[in-house]
Structures are given as C-alpha cells and as structure tokens.
C-alpha cells in the first residue's frame, strides 16, 4: 500500500473469535480477504490524520460564527481553509503525502 506501517495495532473478529492488538504487519497470518485487510490498515494509518484535521477544524469553528470579529474577507479565507481540511481524505491517497494547508493569519491589533 505504500504507507508507513510501523507496529500499529488493530482488533477484529474472525470466525467468531476476537483478535485484539494484532500488529498490522501480521495481518497476512490471518485469513482476511484483501478488502477487509485494506480497511483495517486504512483505519489505522488514517486515524492520526483524522484527529489532526478534526482538531484544526474545531480550532477555527469560532471564525464562522455570525459575531466573529472578522472581516468578510477573513471569514472567506477561514472558510476556504476549513474546506481544504475537510477535503484531505479525498485529495490524498497516502497520509504520508499530505501537505497541510496554512491557517490564515489574523491581523494583530
């Protein structure tokens, strides 16, 4: 798949048995179809990306409030930034290739 897979762990059920904390490097030892294996790996490698993206969006929620002390242009910049963050999973196939957008700056008083 091309991802860095260090020793990240997954848990799953297979034939009624729960397998816990299995290294994704060892998934070939289990009778998983390729689609299920890919889904487990993708879930692990994309989780840090989702967490970072969600935090960056959450940190700028205030910019879209009606009473935010921003100009129309500043709100538009933050709106575009937030949309770029939301589009990351559709824009990149590999989390190692992500180029994070630059947060718009606010003028100092």
N, C-alpha and C. Protein backbone atom coordinates (compact mmCIF):
# COMPACT_ATOMS: atom_id res chain seq x y z
N UNK A 1 0.80 -1.19 0.00
CA UNK A 1 0.00 0.00 0.00
C UNK A 1 0.85 1.27 0.00
N UNK A 2 2.08 1.20 0.42
CA UNK A 2 2.93 2.36 0.40
C UNK A 2 2.90 3.20 1.66
N UNK A 3 2.16 2.80 2.67
CA UNK A 3 2.09 3.55 3.91
C UNK A 3 3.19 3.09 4.86
N UNK A 4 3.60 3.99 5.74
CA UNK A 4 4.48 3.59 6.83
C UNK A 4 3.62 2.81 7.82
N UNK A 5 3.98 1.57 8.12
CA UNK A 5 3.11 0.77 8.95
C UNK A 5 3.75 0.37 10.26
N UNK A 6 4.78 1.02 10.70
CA UNK A 6 5.43 0.72 11.97
C UNK A 6 4.76 -0.48 12.65
N UNK A 7 4.56 -0.51 13.91
CA UNK A 7 3.89 -1.65 14.53
C UNK A 7 2.55 -1.19 15.10
N UNK A 8 1.69 -0.69 14.23
CA UNK A 8 0.38 -0.24 14.64
C UNK A 8 -0.52 -1.46 14.84
N UNK A 9 -1.47 -1.33 15.74
CA UNK A 9 -2.28 -2.47 16.16
C UNK A 9 -3.74 -2.30 15.76
N UNK A 10 -4.37 -3.43 15.44
CA UNK A 10 -5.79 -3.45 15.12
C UNK A 10 -6.44 -4.59 15.90
N UNK A 11 -7.74 -4.50 16.04
CA UNK A 11 -8.53 -5.58 16.63
C UNK A 11 -9.67 -5.90 15.68
N UNK A 12 -10.05 -7.17 15.61
CA UNK A 12 -11.11 -7.57 14.68
C UNK A 12 -11.66 -8.93 15.09
N UNK A 13 -12.85 -9.25 14.56
CA UNK A 13 -13.44 -10.57 14.74
C UNK A 13 -13.20 -11.37 13.46
N UNK A 14 -12.87 -12.64 13.65
CA UNK A 14 -12.71 -13.54 12.52
C UNK A 14 -13.24 -14.90 12.93
N UNK A 15 -14.24 -15.39 12.22
CA UNK A 15 -14.87 -16.68 12.52
C UNK A 15 -15.34 -16.76 13.98
N UNK A 16 -15.94 -15.67 14.47
CA UNK A 16 -16.49 -15.65 15.81
C UNK A 16 -15.47 -15.46 16.93
N UNK A 17 -14.21 -15.27 16.56
CA UNK A 17 -13.15 -15.09 17.56
C UNK A 17 -12.63 -13.66 17.45
N UNK A 18 -12.52 -13.00 18.61
CA UNK A 18 -11.99 -11.64 18.62
C UNK A 18 -10.47 -11.68 18.72
N UNK A 19 -9.82 -11.00 17.81
CA UNK A 19 -8.36 -10.88 17.83
C UNK A 19 -8.05 -9.44 18.22
N UNK A 20 -7.29 -9.28 19.30
CA UNK A 20 -7.04 -7.96 19.87
C UNK A 20 -5.56 -7.63 19.77
N UNK A 21 -5.28 -6.37 19.43
CA UNK A 21 -3.91 -5.85 19.35
C UNK A 21 -3.01 -6.67 18.44
N UNK A 22 -3.49 -6.87 17.23
CA UNK A 22 -2.72 -7.57 16.21
C UNK A 22 -1.95 -6.52 15.42
N UNK A 23 -0.65 -6.69 15.29
CA UNK A 23 0.15 -5.76 14.51
C UNK A 23 -0.29 -5.84 13.05
N UNK A 24 -0.44 -4.69 12.41
CA UNK A 24 -0.86 -4.73 11.01
C UNK A 24 0.18 -5.42 10.13
N UNK A 25 1.41 -5.51 10.63
CA UNK A 25 2.45 -6.26 9.89
C UNK A 25 2.13 -7.75 9.87
N UNK A 26 1.29 -8.23 10.79
CA UNK A 26 0.99 -9.66 10.93
C UNK A 26 -0.38 -10.05 10.36
N UNK A 27 -1.07 -9.13 9.69
CA UNK A 27 -2.39 -9.45 9.18
C UNK A 27 -2.39 -10.57 8.16
N UNK A 28 -1.27 -10.76 7.46
CA UNK A 28 -1.19 -11.86 6.49
C UNK A 28 -1.27 -13.22 7.16
N UNK A 29 -1.06 -13.29 8.46
CA UNK A 29 -1.14 -14.55 9.19
C UNK A 29 -2.59 -14.98 9.42
N UNK A 30 -3.55 -14.12 9.09
CA UNK A 30 -4.96 -14.40 9.31
C UNK A 30 -5.66 -14.52 7.96
N UNK A 31 -6.73 -15.26 7.93
CA UNK A 31 -7.47 -15.47 6.69
C UNK A 31 -8.45 -14.32 6.45
N UNK A 32 -7.89 -13.17 6.16
CA UNK A 32 -8.69 -11.99 5.88
C UNK A 32 -8.69 -11.74 4.37
N UNK A 33 -9.86 -11.39 3.83
CA UNK A 33 -9.86 -11.04 2.41
C UNK A 33 -9.17 -9.69 2.26
N UNK A 34 -8.70 -9.42 1.07
CA UNK A 34 -7.89 -8.21 0.86
C UNK A 34 -8.67 -6.94 1.16
N UNK A 35 -9.97 -6.92 0.88
CA UNK A 35 -10.77 -5.72 1.15
C UNK A 35 -10.84 -5.45 2.65
N UNK A 36 -11.04 -6.48 3.45
CA UNK A 36 -11.12 -6.29 4.90
C UNK A 36 -9.76 -5.90 5.47
N UNK A 37 -8.71 -6.53 4.97
CA UNK A 37 -7.35 -6.20 5.42
C UNK A 37 -7.03 -4.74 5.09
N UNK A 38 -7.35 -4.32 3.87
CA UNK A 38 -7.10 -2.92 3.48
C UNK A 38 -7.90 -1.95 4.35
N UNK A 39 -9.14 -2.32 4.70
CA UNK A 39 -9.96 -1.45 5.54
C UNK A 39 -9.34 -1.31 6.94
N UNK A 40 -8.83 -2.40 7.49
CA UNK A 40 -8.18 -2.34 8.81
C UNK A 40 -6.94 -1.46 8.76
N UNK A 41 -6.12 -1.65 7.74
CA UNK A 41 -4.89 -0.85 7.60
C UNK A 41 -5.23 0.62 7.38
N UNK A 42 -6.17 0.90 6.50
CA UNK A 42 -6.54 2.29 6.24
C UNK A 42 -7.07 2.97 7.49
N UNK A 43 -7.86 2.23 8.28
CA UNK A 43 -8.37 2.80 9.52
C UNK A 43 -7.26 3.22 10.46
N UNK A 44 -6.22 2.41 10.53
CA UNK A 44 -5.10 2.70 11.43
C UNK A 44 -4.25 3.85 10.91
N UNK A 45 -3.89 3.81 9.64
CA UNK A 45 -2.96 4.83 9.14
C UNK A 45 -3.63 6.19 8.96
N UNK A 46 -4.95 6.21 8.75
CA UNK A 46 -5.63 7.49 8.58
C UNK A 46 -6.14 8.09 9.89
N UNK A 47 -6.16 7.32 10.97
CA UNK A 47 -6.67 7.84 12.25
C UNK A 47 -5.93 9.09 12.73
N UNK A 48 -4.59 9.11 12.73
CA UNK A 48 -3.90 10.34 13.16
C UNK A 48 -4.23 11.54 12.27
N UNK A 49 -4.45 11.29 10.99
CA UNK A 49 -4.81 12.37 10.06
C UNK A 49 -6.18 12.92 10.44
N UNK A 50 -7.14 12.03 10.66
CA UNK A 50 -8.49 12.48 11.05
C UNK A 50 -8.45 13.28 12.35
N UNK A 51 -7.68 12.80 13.32
CA UNK A 51 -7.60 13.51 14.60
C UNK A 51 -7.03 14.92 14.43
N UNK A 52 -5.95 15.02 13.66
CA UNK A 52 -5.33 16.34 13.44
C UNK A 52 -6.28 17.24 12.66
N UNK A 53 -6.88 16.71 11.58
CA UNK A 53 -7.79 17.51 10.77
C UNK A 53 -8.96 18.00 11.60
N UNK A 54 -9.55 17.11 12.38
CA UNK A 54 -10.70 17.50 13.21
C UNK A 54 -10.33 18.57 14.23
N UNK A 55 -9.13 18.46 14.80
CA UNK A 55 -8.68 19.47 15.77
C UNK A 55 -8.49 20.82 15.09
N UNK A 56 -7.88 20.83 13.90
CA UNK A 56 -7.66 22.08 13.19
C UNK A 56 -8.98 22.74 12.80
N UNK A 57 -9.94 21.94 12.39
CA UNK A 57 -11.26 22.50 12.06
C UNK A 57 -11.92 23.04 13.33
N UNK A 58 -11.88 22.24 14.38
CA UNK A 58 -12.51 22.66 15.66
C UNK A 58 -11.88 23.96 16.18
N UNK A 59 -10.56 24.09 16.01
CA UNK A 59 -9.87 25.30 16.49
C UNK A 59 -10.30 26.56 15.74
N UNK A 60 -10.92 26.39 14.59
CA UNK A 60 -11.35 27.56 13.81
C UNK A 60 -12.87 27.67 13.71
N UNK A 61 -13.59 26.87 14.48
CA UNK A 61 -15.06 26.96 14.46
C UNK A 61 -15.54 28.39 14.73
N UNK A 62 -14.89 29.04 15.66
CA UNK A 62 -15.32 30.38 16.05
C UNK A 62 -15.31 31.36 14.88
N UNK A 63 -14.48 31.10 13.87
CA UNK A 63 -14.36 32.05 12.76
C UNK A 63 -15.61 32.10 11.90
N UNK A 64 -16.47 31.11 12.02
CA UNK A 64 -17.67 31.06 11.19
C UNK A 64 -18.93 31.49 11.93
N UNK A 65 -18.76 31.92 13.16
CA UNK A 65 -19.90 32.41 13.95
C UNK A 65 -20.31 33.79 13.44
N UNK A 66 -21.59 34.09 13.48
CA UNK A 66 -22.05 35.40 12.98
C UNK A 66 -21.40 36.59 13.67
N UNK A 67 -21.06 36.42 14.96
CA UNK A 67 -20.50 37.55 15.70
C UNK A 67 -18.97 37.51 15.79
N UNK A 68 -18.33 36.66 14.96
CA UNK A 68 -16.85 36.61 14.98
C UNK A 68 -16.30 37.96 14.52
N UNK A 69 -15.29 38.46 15.22
CA UNK A 69 -14.74 39.78 14.89
C UNK A 69 -13.80 39.73 13.67
N UNK A 70 -14.35 39.31 12.54
CA UNK A 70 -13.56 39.17 11.32
C UNK A 70 -14.23 39.91 10.18
N UNK A 71 -13.42 40.32 9.23
CA UNK A 71 -13.98 40.93 8.03
C UNK A 71 -14.58 39.82 7.15
N UNK A 72 -15.34 40.22 6.17
CA UNK A 72 -15.91 39.25 5.22
C UNK A 72 -14.79 38.48 4.53
N UNK A 73 -13.70 39.18 4.18
CA UNK A 73 -12.57 38.53 3.51
C UNK A 73 -11.89 37.50 4.43
N UNK A 74 -11.73 37.87 5.70
CA UNK A 74 -11.11 36.94 6.65
C UNK A 74 -11.97 35.70 6.85
N UNK A 75 -13.29 35.90 6.96
CA UNK A 75 -14.18 34.75 7.10
C UNK A 75 -14.08 33.85 5.88
N UNK A 76 -13.98 34.44 4.71
CA UNK A 76 -13.87 33.66 3.47
C UNK A 76 -12.56 32.86 3.45
N UNK A 77 -11.47 33.48 3.92
CA UNK A 77 -10.19 32.77 3.99
C UNK A 77 -10.28 31.55 4.92
N UNK A 78 -10.91 31.75 6.07
CA UNK A 78 -11.06 30.63 7.01
C UNK A 78 -12.01 29.58 6.46
N UNK A 79 -13.04 30.00 5.75
CA UNK A 79 -13.97 29.05 5.15
C UNK A 79 -13.23 28.17 4.13
N UNK A 80 -12.38 28.77 3.31
CA UNK A 80 -11.60 28.02 2.32
C UNK A 80 -10.60 27.08 3.00
N UNK A 81 -9.95 27.55 4.05
CA UNK A 81 -9.00 26.74 4.82
C UNK A 81 -9.71 25.51 5.40
N UNK A 82 -10.87 25.74 5.99
CA UNK A 82 -11.62 24.65 6.60
C UNK A 82 -12.09 23.64 5.55
N UNK A 83 -12.48 24.12 4.38
CA UNK A 83 -12.90 23.21 3.31
C UNK A 83 -11.72 22.38 2.81
N UNK A 84 -10.55 22.99 2.71
CA UNK A 84 -9.35 22.26 2.30
C UNK A 84 -9.05 21.15 3.31
N UNK A 85 -9.20 21.45 4.58
CA UNK A 85 -9.00 20.42 5.61
C UNK A 85 -10.02 19.28 5.44
N UNK A 86 -11.28 19.64 5.20
CA UNK A 86 -12.30 18.60 5.03
C UNK A 86 -12.03 17.73 3.81
N UNK A 87 -11.42 18.29 2.80
CA UNK A 87 -11.17 17.57 1.54
C UNK A 87 -9.94 16.67 1.57
N UNK A 88 -9.16 16.72 2.63
CA UNK A 88 -7.90 15.95 2.68
C UNK A 88 -8.10 14.46 2.36
N UNK A 89 -9.08 13.77 2.94
CA UNK A 89 -9.21 12.34 2.63
C UNK A 89 -9.50 12.06 1.15
N UNK A 90 -10.18 12.99 0.48
CA UNK A 90 -10.47 12.80 -0.94
C UNK A 90 -9.34 13.28 -1.83
N UNK A 91 -8.47 14.12 -1.29
CA UNK A 91 -7.38 14.70 -2.07
C UNK A 91 -6.15 13.82 -2.10
N UNK A 92 -5.90 13.10 -1.01
CA UNK A 92 -4.68 12.30 -0.88
C UNK A 92 -5.00 10.82 -0.74
N UNK A 93 -4.19 10.00 -1.40
CA UNK A 93 -4.32 8.55 -1.28
C UNK A 93 -3.43 8.00 -0.17
N UNK A 94 -2.40 8.75 0.18
CA UNK A 94 -1.42 8.28 1.14
C UNK A 94 -1.23 9.36 2.21
N UNK A 95 -1.45 9.04 3.47
CA UNK A 95 -1.30 10.05 4.52
C UNK A 95 0.09 10.65 4.60
N UNK A 96 1.09 9.92 4.13
CA UNK A 96 2.46 10.44 4.17
C UNK A 96 2.67 11.58 3.17
N UNK A 97 1.77 11.73 2.21
CA UNK A 97 1.91 12.75 1.17
C UNK A 97 1.17 14.04 1.49
N UNK A 98 0.45 14.09 2.59
CA UNK A 98 -0.38 15.26 2.90
C UNK A 98 0.45 16.51 3.09
N UNK A 99 0.02 17.56 2.42
CA UNK A 99 0.57 18.90 2.64
C UNK A 99 -0.55 19.67 3.33
N UNK A 100 -0.33 19.95 4.60
CA UNK A 100 -1.36 20.61 5.39
C UNK A 100 -1.48 22.07 4.97
N UNK A 101 -2.71 22.58 4.83
CA UNK A 101 -2.87 23.98 4.46
C UNK A 101 -2.42 24.91 5.58
N UNK A 102 -2.03 26.09 5.20
CA UNK A 102 -1.60 27.09 6.17
C UNK A 102 -2.81 27.82 6.71
N UNK A 103 -2.91 27.90 8.01
CA UNK A 103 -4.01 28.60 8.65
C UNK A 103 -3.91 30.08 8.34
N UNK A 104 -5.01 30.70 7.93
CA UNK A 104 -4.97 32.14 7.67
C UNK A 104 -4.54 32.90 8.93
N UNK A 105 -3.82 33.97 8.71
CA UNK A 105 -3.37 34.75 9.85
C UNK A 105 -4.38 35.84 10.16
N UNK A 106 -4.39 36.20 11.41
CA UNK A 106 -5.25 37.29 11.85
C UNK A 106 -4.39 38.51 12.08
N UNK A 107 -4.86 39.67 11.66
CA UNK A 107 -4.07 40.88 11.90
C UNK A 107 -3.97 41.16 13.39
N UNK A 108 -2.81 41.59 13.79
CA UNK A 108 -2.63 41.95 15.21
C UNK A 108 -3.16 43.35 15.41
N UNK A 109 -3.63 43.58 16.63
CA UNK A 109 -4.23 44.89 16.94
C UNK A 109 -3.19 45.93 17.23
